[in-house]
Amino acid sequence: MPVKVRCPGCEKVLNAPDAARGKAVRCPECQAKVPVPADGVGAGGVGARKSASAEESAARKKPAKRKASAEDDDFFKQLDLSKAEDHSIRLCHKCGRKLQEEDVQCPGCGLDLITGESAKERALRGPDTSAFYSVAWKDSWKFMVKNKGLVFRTLAYFTIAYTLALGFGALFFWCYNLPPKTFSGAFAIIILLTIPGWIWFLTTQVVAASREKKAKFPRIRFDFFLCTALGLKVLLWQSVFFLPVALLGGVLISILARSGQAIAGLGIAAAFYLLFGIMVPVALVHMSMPVTILAWQFWRMVPITGRVVAPAMYWCFMVFVTTLPALAVAGGVGAMYGEDTAKTLQILTQRSSNQLGRANAAYALENKIKNAPTVESIPEIPLPDLKVLIVPVLSGYLFLWLLAATVVLPMRGLGVFATFFKDRLDLITEVAERKYTYQEKKVDEDGVPIPPPKRVNAGKMMMGGVGGTIVMYVVANAILYFATGGETLLMPRRLAQLLRLAQQEFKAPAEPAPPPAAKKHY
């Protein structure tokens, strides 16, 4: 049976359970403890009187609050609180985490212990661009070690592609019939295109993952057709992007060389090449974005590169350092075996044509075709010494292995470059959504419909850029032709004659062959 008791604090009557007899319950209103009598019921009965007496006894037992005295104040003033602090332990001011002596940032909450800036404030402000030069190498090395599988996969892809290309190349020089020769040569080129295509594809993936700050690099698969298409894209982009500087540099070198200032021409051309080389990392970052139109327009890359000249040059230095072993192998082998290799390949090409001519002569003899050359009239070209090609072919493997071992490092460096300077690169990270909306036709005062404004077509802009580049190519050749008196051109003479930049070469008419001598009959 519940017991009714009265709270001494708020005078509220409570119904205490029967199991609480002889104990205390807490008032739900004022949270004061209310004793429940062991015997008797009712707020005003024996239980109430016992409760009142218990309250009086508890009040008597409760010590009275001491009043602050002057002695207490003097005691606390004498205490030296600086000696109570433990200086041997370093703690974070924000989260209280124990810190090491070399820590400049709290590993728990990310608080900058020097500036007092929190991790959230630092994320909103963006990374410190001055730290790029120290972070680029360190972060790139950690990324390459963590994702060393990419290095081994790249090495395997390069080895397979180079081996297949060597096989089809040997078939190209060995065959003399046009169909197999064309097939083998084309397939060798297609296979070799997968090497720059894979580098391009992997670069875009690494830059995108770096910008999105993914903790784990996503799994990517090798696609032969995609890498071949990207290899063609690399060649096309280089032609469009570097053709103006190549034309301008060629014109300057030719004009200054004729005037006896070849060294000045080479210096000016090198300056132009260096300028366009600095724009490469900026263009590659834009190629990793969903919208890549800016990377095809070098005139728009110039002002963007002007904002990040120093870090762009630093990334180019990273590429030079990492690819220096591979370049050293290629340069050394080219210097020692380049001339002999070129002569051997030239002899193989001539021998292929020679074999085709002898085969045609044999076919004409077999089918009794008149006025056809005989096999004896076409001397056979012997097979050259192929041992000259052993060192260059094996050096090709070494070159690709060194390149595969270091190519991932500058890729991550480019991703760090895009992360630190994303606000200066004018990146287009989202494709504009095209949504159809009904637009009411507007008319003028006379009721004639007003045509809507024309939208910029990216495809037309690209075609215009390619067309403008071709026009610049022709104009540069025209300037070079008239400046050098027609002696130097940057195009084949047949094409120059077709464009009327060069006169047709006069060929004297061939003298008629003497009539065959009459056969004497005896």
Protein backbone atom coordinates (compact mmCIF):
# COMPACT_ATOMS: atom_id res chain seq x y z
CA MET A 1 0.00 0.00 0.00
CA PRO A 2 1.55 3.38 -0.99
CA VAL A 3 2.59 5.79 1.71
CA LYS A 4 1.78 9.49 1.51
CA VAL A 5 4.63 11.75 2.56
CA ARG A 6 5.18 15.49 2.25
CA CYS A 7 8.32 16.96 0.64
CA PRO A 8 10.09 19.32 3.10
CA GLY A 9 11.38 21.45 0.22
CA CYS A 10 8.31 22.20 -1.94
CA GLU A 11 5.53 20.93 0.42
CA LYS A 12 4.21 18.59 -2.24
CA VAL A 13 2.52 15.36 -1.15
CA LEU A 14 4.10 12.28 -2.74
CA ASN A 15 2.86 8.69 -3.01
CA ALA A 16 5.87 6.55 -2.07
CA PRO A 17 5.72 2.81 -2.86
CA ASP A 18 5.37 0.30 -0.03
CA ALA A 19 8.86 -1.05 -0.75
CA ALA A 20 10.35 2.37 0.10
CA ARG A 21 9.41 2.19 3.83
CA GLY A 22 12.34 3.16 5.97
CA LYS A 23 14.19 4.67 3.00
CA ALA A 24 14.29 8.03 1.19
CA VAL A 25 12.88 8.94 -2.22
CA ARG A 26 13.70 11.93 -4.41
CA CYS A 27 11.06 14.58 -5.09
CA PRO A 28 10.36 14.93 -8.83
CA GLU A 29 9.79 18.68 -8.46
CA CYS A 30 12.71 19.96 -6.40
CA GLN A 31 14.94 16.84 -6.39
CA ALA A 32 15.11 16.91 -2.57
CA LYS A 33 15.37 13.68 -0.57
CA VAL A 34 12.12 12.81 1.23
CA PRO A 35 12.34 10.16 4.03
CA VAL A 36 9.59 7.55 4.05
CA PRO A 37 8.52 6.34 7.55
CA ALA A 38 8.77 2.64 8.28
CA ASP A 39 5.36 2.65 10.17
CA GLY A 40 2.18 4.69 9.80
CA VAL A 41 0.49 6.27 6.79
CA GLY A 42 -0.79 9.68 5.88
CA ALA A 43 0.74 13.04 5.53
CA GLY A 44 -0.55 14.25 8.89
CA GLY A 45 -0.44 11.03 10.98
CA VAL A 46 2.26 9.23 12.77
CA GLY A 47 4.25 8.81 9.59
CA ALA A 48 4.13 12.56 8.97
CA ARG A 49 5.24 13.29 12.52
CA LYS A 50 8.09 10.83 12.20
CA SER A 51 9.01 12.44 8.92
CA ALA A 52 9.03 15.88 10.53
CA SER A 53 11.17 14.66 13.39
CA ALA A 54 13.55 13.03 10.94
CA GLU A 55 13.78 16.27 9.05
CA GLU A 56 14.56 18.18 12.23
CA SER A 57 17.25 15.69 13.22
CA ALA A 58 18.76 15.84 9.70
CA ALA A 59 18.74 19.63 9.86
CA ARG A 60 20.52 19.53 13.21
CA LYS A 61 23.10 17.11 11.90
CA LYS A 62 23.74 19.15 8.74
CA PRO A 63 26.72 21.42 9.35
CA ALA A 64 26.23 25.11 8.79
CA LYS A 65 28.10 26.84 6.00
CA ARG A 66 31.25 28.47 7.11
CA LYS A 67 31.60 32.10 6.38
CA ALA A 68 34.69 33.18 4.52
CA SER A 69 37.19 34.68 6.83
CA ALA A 70 40.25 36.80 6.34
CA GLU A 71 42.41 33.85 7.41
CA ASP A 72 41.20 31.80 4.41
CA ASP A 73 42.02 34.61 2.00
CA ASP A 74 45.52 34.90 3.39
CA PHE A 75 46.02 31.15 3.06
CA PHE A 76 45.09 31.11 -0.63
CA LYS A 77 47.19 34.20 -1.34
CA GLN A 78 50.22 32.41 0.01
CA LEU A 79 49.82 29.49 -2.42
CA ASP A 80 52.13 29.47 -5.54
CA LEU A 81 49.88 27.99 -8.24
CA SER A 82 52.67 28.02 -10.88
CA LYS A 83 54.37 25.20 -8.95
CA ALA A 84 51.15 23.15 -8.99
CA GLU A 85 51.20 22.87 -12.82
CA ASP A 86 52.95 19.81 -14.34
CA HIS A 87 55.28 21.16 -17.02
CA SER A 88 56.65 17.72 -17.93
CA ILE A 89 53.49 16.81 -19.90
CA ARG A 90 52.40 18.76 -23.01
CA LEU A 91 48.65 18.81 -23.62
CA CYS A 92 46.44 20.18 -26.38
CA HIS A 93 44.57 23.32 -25.31
CA LYS A 94 41.43 22.20 -27.15
CA CYS A 95 40.97 18.46 -26.67
CA GLY A 96 43.47 17.77 -23.83
CA ARG A 97 45.36 15.11 -25.80
CA LYS A 98 48.90 14.34 -24.77
CA LEU A 99 51.38 15.73 -27.31
CA GLN A 100 54.94 14.97 -28.24
CA GLU A 101 57.68 17.58 -28.13
CA GLU A 102 58.02 17.73 -31.95
CA ASP A 103 54.27 18.06 -32.65
CA VAL A 104 53.18 21.30 -34.30
CA GLN A 105 49.64 20.06 -34.90
CA CYS A 106 47.39 18.09 -32.57
CA PRO A 107 46.89 14.55 -33.94
CA GLY A 108 43.48 14.35 -32.28
CA CYS A 109 41.60 17.54 -33.21
CA GLY A 110 43.99 18.97 -35.82
CA LEU A 111 44.61 22.22 -33.92
CA ASP A 112 47.61 24.19 -35.16
CA LEU A 113 49.65 24.63 -31.98
CA ILE A 114 51.53 27.63 -33.38
CA THR A 115 48.74 29.74 -34.89
CA GLY A 116 45.81 28.29 -32.93
CA GLU A 117 43.90 27.60 -36.16
CA SER A 118 41.50 24.64 -36.08
CA ALA A 119 41.30 21.94 -38.75
CA LYS A 120 37.91 23.22 -39.94
CA GLU A 121 39.19 26.78 -40.35
CA ARG A 122 42.26 25.49 -42.17
CA ALA A 123 40.10 23.44 -44.57
CA LEU A 124 37.97 26.47 -45.39
CA ARG A 125 41.06 28.58 -46.01
CA GLY A 126 42.70 25.95 -48.22
CA PRO A 127 46.25 24.57 -48.12
CA ASP A 128 49.27 26.78 -47.64
CA THR A 129 50.76 27.22 -51.12
CA SER A 130 54.23 27.79 -49.71
CA ALA A 131 54.26 24.20 -48.41
CA PHE A 132 53.89 22.77 -51.94
CA TYR A 133 57.64 22.55 -52.54
CA SER A 134 58.21 20.39 -49.45
CA VAL A 135 55.02 18.33 -49.71
CA ALA A 136 55.32 17.49 -53.42
CA TRP A 137 58.27 15.10 -53.12
CA LYS A 138 57.30 13.63 -49.76
CA ASP A 139 53.66 12.97 -50.62
CA SER A 140 54.53 11.65 -54.09
CA TRP A 141 57.02 9.17 -52.64
CA LYS A 142 54.50 7.93 -50.05
CA PHE A 143 51.87 7.54 -52.75
CA MET A 144 54.21 5.55 -54.99
CA VAL A 145 55.26 3.23 -52.15
CA LYS A 146 51.66 2.70 -51.06
CA ASN A 147 50.48 2.05 -54.64
CA LYS A 148 53.52 0.15 -55.87
CA GLY A 149 51.15 -2.15 -57.72
CA LEU A 150 50.69 0.63 -60.27
CA VAL A 151 54.44 0.64 -60.89
CA PHE A 152 54.55 -3.12 -61.52
CA ARG A 153 51.46 -3.00 -63.71
CA THR A 154 52.93 -0.17 -65.75
CA LEU A 155 56.18 -2.08 -66.13
CA ALA A 156 54.30 -5.19 -67.30
CA TYR A 157 52.16 -3.23 -69.79
CA PHE A 158 55.21 -1.48 -71.25
CA THR A 159 57.10 -4.76 -71.60
CA ILE A 160 54.22 -6.55 -73.35
CA ALA A 161 53.52 -3.61 -75.68
CA TYR A 162 57.19 -3.20 -76.61
CA THR A 163 57.64 -6.93 -77.26
CA LEU A 164 54.58 -7.11 -79.51
CA ALA A 165 55.65 -3.94 -81.35
CA LEU A 166 59.10 -5.46 -81.96
CA GLY A 167 57.51 -8.57 -83.41
CA PHE A 168 55.25 -6.65 -85.77
CA GLY A 169 58.13 -4.31 -86.66
CA ALA A 170 60.31 -7.25 -87.64
CA LEU A 171 57.44 -8.59 -89.73
CA PHE A 172 57.11 -5.16 -91.37
CA PHE A 173 60.76 -5.13 -92.52
CA TRP A 174 60.73 -8.80 -93.49
CA CYS A 175 57.59 -8.74 -95.69
CA TYR A 176 57.66 -7.11 -99.08
CA ASN A 177 54.06 -7.67 -100.19
CA LEU A 178 51.90 -4.64 -99.50
CA PRO A 179 48.97 -6.20 -97.52
CA PRO A 180 51.01 -7.96 -94.79
CA LYS A 181 53.52 -5.12 -94.71
CA THR A 182 50.78 -2.54 -94.19
CA PHE A 183 49.03 -4.66 -91.56
CA SER A 184 52.18 -5.34 -89.55
CA GLY A 185 53.36 -1.72 -89.67
CA ALA A 186 49.96 -0.32 -88.69
CA PHE A 187 49.57 -2.80 -85.84
CA ALA A 188 53.07 -2.01 -84.52
CA ILE A 189 52.16 1.69 -84.40
CA ILE A 190 48.80 0.96 -82.73
CA ILE A 191 50.47 -1.13 -80.04
CA LEU A 192 53.10 1.54 -79.37
CA LEU A 193 50.32 4.11 -78.95
CA THR A 194 49.12 2.26 -75.85
CA ILE A 195 52.25 3.35 -73.95
CA PRO A 196 51.57 7.14 -74.03
CA GLY A 197 47.85 6.35 -73.80
CA TRP A 198 48.31 4.44 -70.52
CA ILE A 199 50.51 7.24 -69.12
CA TRP A 200 47.84 9.80 -70.05
CA PHE A 201 45.01 7.71 -68.56
CA LEU A 202 46.90 7.00 -65.33
CA THR A 203 47.83 10.69 -64.98
CA THR A 204 44.22 11.83 -65.22
CA GLN A 205 43.11 9.21 -62.67
CA VAL A 206 45.84 10.11 -60.17
CA VAL A 207 45.15 13.85 -60.48
CA ALA A 208 41.40 13.32 -60.02
CA ALA A 209 41.95 11.11 -56.94
CA SER A 210 44.38 13.65 -55.48
CA ARG A 211 41.95 16.53 -55.91
CA GLU A 212 39.12 14.54 -54.32
CA LYS A 213 41.48 13.57 -51.43
CA LYS A 214 40.60 9.88 -51.62
CA ALA A 215 42.24 7.83 -48.89
CA LYS A 216 42.56 4.80 -51.19
CA PHE A 217 43.33 4.93 -54.89
CA PRO A 218 40.50 3.28 -56.87
CA ARG A 219 41.10 0.09 -58.82
CA ILE A 220 41.53 0.79 -62.52
CA ARG A 221 41.71 -1.67 -65.40
CA PHE A 222 43.74 -1.62 -68.57
CA ASP A 223 41.67 -1.09 -71.73
CA PHE A 224 43.59 -1.64 -74.96
CA PHE A 225 41.20 0.33 -77.16
CA LEU A 226 40.90 3.20 -74.68
CA CYS A 227 44.69 3.49 -74.31
CA THR A 228 45.11 3.41 -78.10
CA ALA A 229 42.55 6.19 -78.50
CA LEU A 230 44.22 8.20 -75.74
CA GLY A 231 47.58 7.71 -77.46
CA LEU A 232 46.11 9.26 -80.62
CA LYS A 233 44.71 12.04 -78.44
CA VAL A 234 48.18 12.71 -77.06
CA LEU A 235 49.60 13.09 -80.57
CA LEU A 236 46.72 15.31 -81.67
CA TRP A 237 46.97 17.51 -78.58
CA GLN A 238 50.72 17.93 -79.01
CA SER A 239 50.22 18.86 -82.66
CA VAL A 240 47.60 21.49 -81.83
CA PHE A 241 49.27 22.81 -78.69
CA PHE A 242 52.92 22.92 -79.80
CA LEU A 243 52.56 23.57 -83.53
CA PRO A 244 52.56 27.41 -83.25
CA VAL A 245 55.78 27.50 -81.25
CA ALA A 246 57.36 24.91 -83.58
CA LEU A 247 56.48 27.00 -86.62
CA LEU A 248 57.61 30.26 -85.06
CA GLY A 249 60.81 28.71 -83.76
CA GLY A 250 61.58 27.16 -87.15
CA VAL A 251 61.03 30.46 -88.95
CA LEU A 252 63.26 32.36 -86.50
CA ILE A 253 66.02 29.76 -86.65
CA SER A 254 66.01 29.73 -90.46
CA ILE A 255 65.96 33.54 -90.84
CA LEU A 256 68.65 34.16 -88.22
CA ALA A 257 70.77 31.30 -89.55
CA ARG A 258 70.83 32.91 -93.01
CA SER A 259 71.91 36.19 -91.46
CA GLY A 260 74.76 34.50 -89.54
CA GLN A 261 73.05 34.55 -86.13
CA ALA A 262 72.22 30.87 -85.71
CA ILE A 263 73.04 30.87 -81.98
CA ALA A 264 70.62 33.76 -81.33
CA GLY A 265 67.95 31.90 -83.28
CA LEU A 266 68.47 28.78 -81.22
CA GLY A 267 68.28 30.81 -78.01
CA ILE A 268 65.01 32.49 -78.99
CA ALA A 269 63.52 29.17 -80.11
CA ALA A 270 64.59 27.54 -76.82
CA ALA A 271 62.89 30.35 -74.90
CA PHE A 272 59.64 29.71 -76.78
CA TYR A 273 59.89 25.97 -76.17
CA LEU A 274 60.53 26.58 -72.46
CA LEU A 275 57.48 28.84 -72.24
CA PHE A 276 55.23 26.21 -73.75
CA GLY A 277 56.85 23.50 -71.63
CA ILE A 278 55.89 25.38 -68.46
CA MET A 279 52.27 25.37 -69.64
CA VAL A 280 52.22 21.55 -69.86
CA PRO A 281 51.34 20.86 -66.16
CA VAL A 282 48.54 23.42 -66.28
CA ALA A 283 47.15 21.88 -69.46
CA LEU A 284 47.42 18.34 -68.03
CA VAL A 285 45.43 19.36 -64.94
CA HIS A 286 42.71 20.76 -67.19
CA MET A 287 42.79 17.51 -69.19
CA SER A 288 41.89 15.68 -65.96
CA MET A 289 38.72 17.74 -65.51
CA PRO A 290 35.28 16.89 -66.96
CA VAL A 291 35.61 19.87 -69.32
CA THR A 292 38.94 20.01 -71.20
CA ILE A 293 38.33 22.79 -73.74
CA LEU A 294 40.82 25.18 -72.11
CA ALA A 295 43.70 22.70 -72.47
CA TRP A 296 43.40 22.84 -76.27
CA GLN A 297 43.69 26.63 -76.43
CA PHE A 298 47.25 27.71 -75.69
CA TRP A 299 46.33 31.39 -75.76
CA ARG A 300 44.07 30.83 -72.74
CA MET A 301 46.74 28.80 -70.97
CA VAL A 302 49.21 31.71 -71.03
CA PRO A 303 47.49 33.95 -68.41
CA ILE A 304 46.65 30.95 -66.20
CA THR A 305 50.26 29.77 -66.29
CA GLY A 306 51.38 33.29 -65.39
CA ARG A 307 49.78 32.85 -61.96
CA VAL A 308 51.61 29.60 -61.17
CA VAL A 309 54.95 29.98 -62.98
CA ALA A 310 57.16 28.92 -60.05
CA PRO A 311 55.26 25.74 -59.04
CA ALA A 312 54.81 24.78 -62.71
CA MET A 313 58.56 25.06 -63.27
CA TYR A 314 59.13 23.05 -60.09
CA TRP A 315 56.93 20.23 -61.42
CA CYS A 316 58.84 20.28 -64.71
CA PHE A 317 62.01 19.92 -62.62
CA MET A 318 60.44 16.90 -60.89
CA VAL A 319 59.74 15.31 -64.27
CA PHE A 320 63.30 15.97 -65.44
CA VAL A 321 64.85 14.46 -62.29
CA THR A 322 62.64 11.36 -62.27
CA THR A 323 63.07 10.63 -65.99
CA LEU A 324 66.80 11.48 -66.06
CA PRO A 325 67.96 7.82 -65.83
CA ALA A 326 65.72 6.80 -68.74
CA LEU A 327 66.80 9.83 -70.77
CA ALA A 328 70.45 9.04 -70.04
CA VAL A 329 70.01 5.49 -71.37
CA ALA A 330 68.22 6.72 -74.51
CA GLY A 331 70.78 9.46 -75.15
CA GLY A 332 73.79 7.21 -74.60
CA VAL A 333 72.51 4.42 -76.83
CA GLY A 334 71.45 6.92 -79.48
CA ALA A 335 74.89 8.53 -79.50
CA MET A 336 76.75 5.23 -79.78
CA TYR A 337 74.43 3.15 -81.97
CA GLY A 338 72.07 5.68 -83.55
CA GLU A 339 73.89 6.04 -86.87
CA ASP A 340 74.45 2.31 -87.35
CA THR A 341 70.86 1.53 -86.42
CA ALA A 342 69.52 4.07 -88.91
CA LYS A 343 71.71 2.66 -91.69
CA THR A 344 70.60 -0.89 -90.91
CA LEU A 345 66.92 0.04 -90.97
CA GLN A 346 67.44 1.94 -94.22
CA ILE A 347 69.06 -1.13 -95.81
CA LEU A 348 66.19 -3.30 -94.60
CA THR A 349 63.69 -0.90 -96.17
CA GLN A 350 65.58 -0.88 -99.46
CA ARG A 351 65.89 -4.66 -99.36
CA SER A 352 62.13 -4.96 -98.90
CA SER A 353 61.55 -2.86 -102.02
CA ASN A 354 64.22 -4.86 -103.82
CA GLN A 355 62.54 -8.14 -102.95
CA LEU A 356 59.21 -6.77 -104.17
CA GLY A 357 60.78 -5.75 -107.49
CA ARG A 358 62.41 -9.17 -107.98
CA ALA A 359 59.13 -10.90 -107.13
CA ASN A 360 57.29 -8.78 -109.70
CA ALA A 361 59.96 -9.56 -112.31
CA ALA A 362 59.65 -13.27 -111.61
CA TYR A 363 55.86 -13.01 -111.90
CA ALA A 364 56.21 -11.17 -115.24
CA LEU A 365 58.60 -13.81 -116.53
CA GLU A 366 56.28 -16.59 -115.46
CA ASN A 367 53.27 -14.98 -117.14
CA LYS A 368 55.31 -13.84 -120.19
CA ILE A 369 54.58 -10.13 -119.72
CA LYS A 370 56.41 -8.08 -122.32
CA ASN A 371 58.71 -5.11 -121.62
CA ALA A 372 59.05 -6.16 -117.96
CA PRO A 373 62.42 -6.09 -116.18
CA THR A 374 64.08 -9.41 -115.65
CA VAL A 375 65.18 -10.84 -112.34
CA GLU A 376 68.82 -10.61 -113.39
CA SER A 377 68.44 -6.87 -114.09
CA ILE A 378 67.54 -6.20 -110.43
CA PRO A 379 70.54 -7.07 -108.27
CA GLU A 380 69.63 -8.59 -104.91
CA ILE A 381 70.48 -6.54 -101.82
CA PRO A 382 72.00 -8.79 -99.16
CA LEU A 383 70.67 -8.91 -95.62
CA PRO A 384 72.68 -6.53 -93.35
CA ASP A 385 74.34 -7.55 -90.12
CA LEU A 386 71.48 -7.56 -87.59
CA LYS A 387 73.80 -7.81 -84.58
CA VAL A 388 73.94 -4.01 -84.63
CA LEU A 389 70.31 -3.94 -83.46
CA ILE A 390 70.81 -6.12 -80.35
CA VAL A 391 72.00 -3.35 -78.02
CA PRO A 392 69.39 -0.75 -79.14
CA VAL A 393 66.57 -3.30 -78.83
CA LEU A 394 67.60 -4.40 -75.33
CA SER A 395 68.17 -0.78 -74.33
CA GLY A 396 64.55 -0.12 -75.27
CA TYR A 397 63.48 -2.52 -72.50
CA LEU A 398 65.77 -0.80 -70.01
CA PHE A 399 64.44 2.63 -71.03
CA LEU A 400 60.81 1.56 -70.54
CA TRP A 401 61.55 -0.14 -67.22
CA LEU A 402 63.25 2.96 -65.84
CA LEU A 403 60.38 5.09 -67.11
CA ALA A 404 57.76 2.79 -65.55
CA ALA A 405 59.59 2.79 -62.21
CA THR A 406 59.47 6.57 -61.88
CA VAL A 407 56.48 7.74 -63.91
CA VAL A 408 54.01 7.48 -61.00
CA LEU A 409 56.02 9.95 -58.89
CA PRO A 410 55.44 13.06 -61.07
CA MET A 411 51.82 11.98 -61.59
CA ARG A 412 51.17 12.36 -57.87
CA GLY A 413 53.20 15.57 -57.90
CA LEU A 414 50.84 16.91 -60.53
CA GLY A 415 47.90 15.96 -58.30
CA VAL A 416 49.47 17.84 -55.38
CA PHE A 417 50.00 20.81 -57.72
CA ALA A 418 46.30 20.76 -58.69
CA THR A 419 45.24 20.53 -55.02
CA PHE A 420 47.37 23.42 -53.79
CA PHE A 421 46.66 25.83 -56.66
CA LYS A 422 43.11 24.91 -57.67
CA ASP A 423 41.89 28.46 -57.02
CA ARG A 424 44.36 29.89 -59.57
CA LEU A 425 43.88 27.36 -62.38
CA ASP A 426 40.30 28.26 -63.43
CA LEU A 427 39.30 24.59 -63.40
CA ILE A 428 35.90 23.59 -64.78
CA THR A 429 34.98 20.74 -62.42
CA GLU A 430 31.34 20.28 -63.44
CA VAL A 431 29.63 19.85 -66.77
CA ALA A 432 26.82 22.34 -67.26
CA GLU A 433 23.50 20.53 -67.04
CA ARG A 434 21.39 20.86 -70.14
CA LYS A 435 17.74 21.07 -69.27
CA TYR A 436 15.04 21.78 -71.79
CA THR A 437 12.86 24.72 -70.86
CA TYR A 438 10.11 26.08 -72.98
CA GLN A 439 10.90 29.56 -74.15
CA GLU A 440 8.22 31.76 -75.51
CA LYS A 441 9.10 33.28 -78.85
CA LYS A 442 9.74 36.96 -78.54
CA VAL A 443 8.54 39.34 -81.21
CA ASP A 444 9.25 42.97 -81.88
CA GLU A 445 6.74 45.76 -82.33
CA ASP A 446 6.00 44.68 -85.91
CA GLY A 447 5.38 41.07 -84.89
CA VAL A 448 8.66 39.76 -86.36
CA PRO A 449 10.19 36.93 -84.23
CA ILE A 450 13.43 37.88 -82.46
CA PRO A 451 16.06 35.14 -82.90
CA PRO A 452 17.53 33.77 -79.64
CA PRO A 453 21.19 34.52 -78.85
CA LYS A 454 23.66 32.03 -80.28
CA ARG A 455 25.37 29.69 -77.87
CA VAL A 456 29.07 28.93 -77.96
CA ASN A 457 29.71 25.49 -79.40
CA ALA A 458 32.81 23.81 -77.96
CA GLY A 459 33.17 21.53 -80.98
CA LYS A 460 33.12 24.45 -83.37
CA MET A 461 35.65 26.30 -81.24
CA MET A 462 37.98 23.29 -81.34
CA MET A 463 37.60 22.93 -85.09
CA GLY A 464 38.25 26.64 -85.42
CA GLY A 465 41.42 26.26 -83.38
CA VAL A 466 42.63 23.39 -85.55
CA GLY A 467 41.78 25.33 -88.71
CA GLY A 468 43.55 28.41 -87.39
CA THR A 469 46.61 26.31 -86.58
CA ILE A 470 46.69 24.95 -90.13
CA VAL A 471 46.41 28.47 -91.53
CA MET A 472 49.28 29.59 -89.28
CA TYR A 473 51.30 26.63 -90.56
CA VAL A 474 50.78 27.66 -94.18
CA VAL A 475 51.44 31.34 -93.44
CA ALA A 476 54.65 30.51 -91.58
CA ASN A 477 55.83 28.46 -94.55
CA ALA A 478 54.99 31.30 -96.91
CA ILE A 479 56.98 33.76 -94.80
CA LEU A 480 59.87 31.34 -94.56
CA TYR A 481 59.77 30.65 -98.30
CA PHE A 482 59.96 34.30 -99.32
CA ALA A 483 62.45 35.17 -96.58
CA THR A 484 64.87 32.43 -97.64
CA GLY A 485 64.31 32.67 -101.38
CA GLY A 486 62.48 29.38 -101.58
CA GLU A 487 65.37 27.32 -100.21
CA THR A 488 63.83 26.38 -96.86
CA LEU A 489 60.33 25.08 -96.18
CA LEU A 490 58.61 23.36 -93.26
CA MET A 491 56.52 21.19 -95.55
CA PRO A 492 57.12 18.69 -98.34
CA ARG A 493 57.90 20.29 -101.70
CA ARG A 494 55.02 18.45 -103.33
CA LEU A 495 52.60 20.11 -100.89
CA ALA A 496 54.30 23.49 -101.40
CA GLN A 497 53.89 23.12 -105.18
CA LEU A 498 50.25 22.23 -104.71
CA LEU A 499 49.75 25.41 -102.63
CA ARG A 500 51.78 27.40 -105.22
CA LEU A 501 54.48 28.22 -102.71
CA ALA A 502 57.08 26.61 -104.98
CA GLN A 503 57.36 26.32 -108.71
CA GLN A 504 57.07 23.05 -110.51
CA GLU A 505 60.43 21.60 -111.34
CA PHE A 506 61.07 21.53 -115.05
CA LYS A 507 61.76 18.08 -116.38
CA ALA A 508 63.10 17.67 -119.86
CA PRO A 509 61.06 15.28 -121.98
CA ALA A 510 62.54 11.87 -122.13
CA GLU A 511 64.24 11.03 -125.40
CA PRO A 512 62.39 8.39 -127.37
CA ALA A 513 63.91 4.96 -127.19
CA PRO A 514 65.76 3.89 -130.36
CA PRO A 515 63.84 1.43 -132.48
CA PRO A 516 64.78 -2.17 -132.00
CA ALA A 517 67.34 -3.44 -134.45
CA ALA A 518 65.99 -5.58 -137.24
CA LYS A 519 66.65 -9.23 -136.83
CA LYS A 520 68.94 -10.73 -139.41
CA HIS A 521 67.82 -13.92 -141.05
CA TYR A 522 70.46 -16.21 -142.27
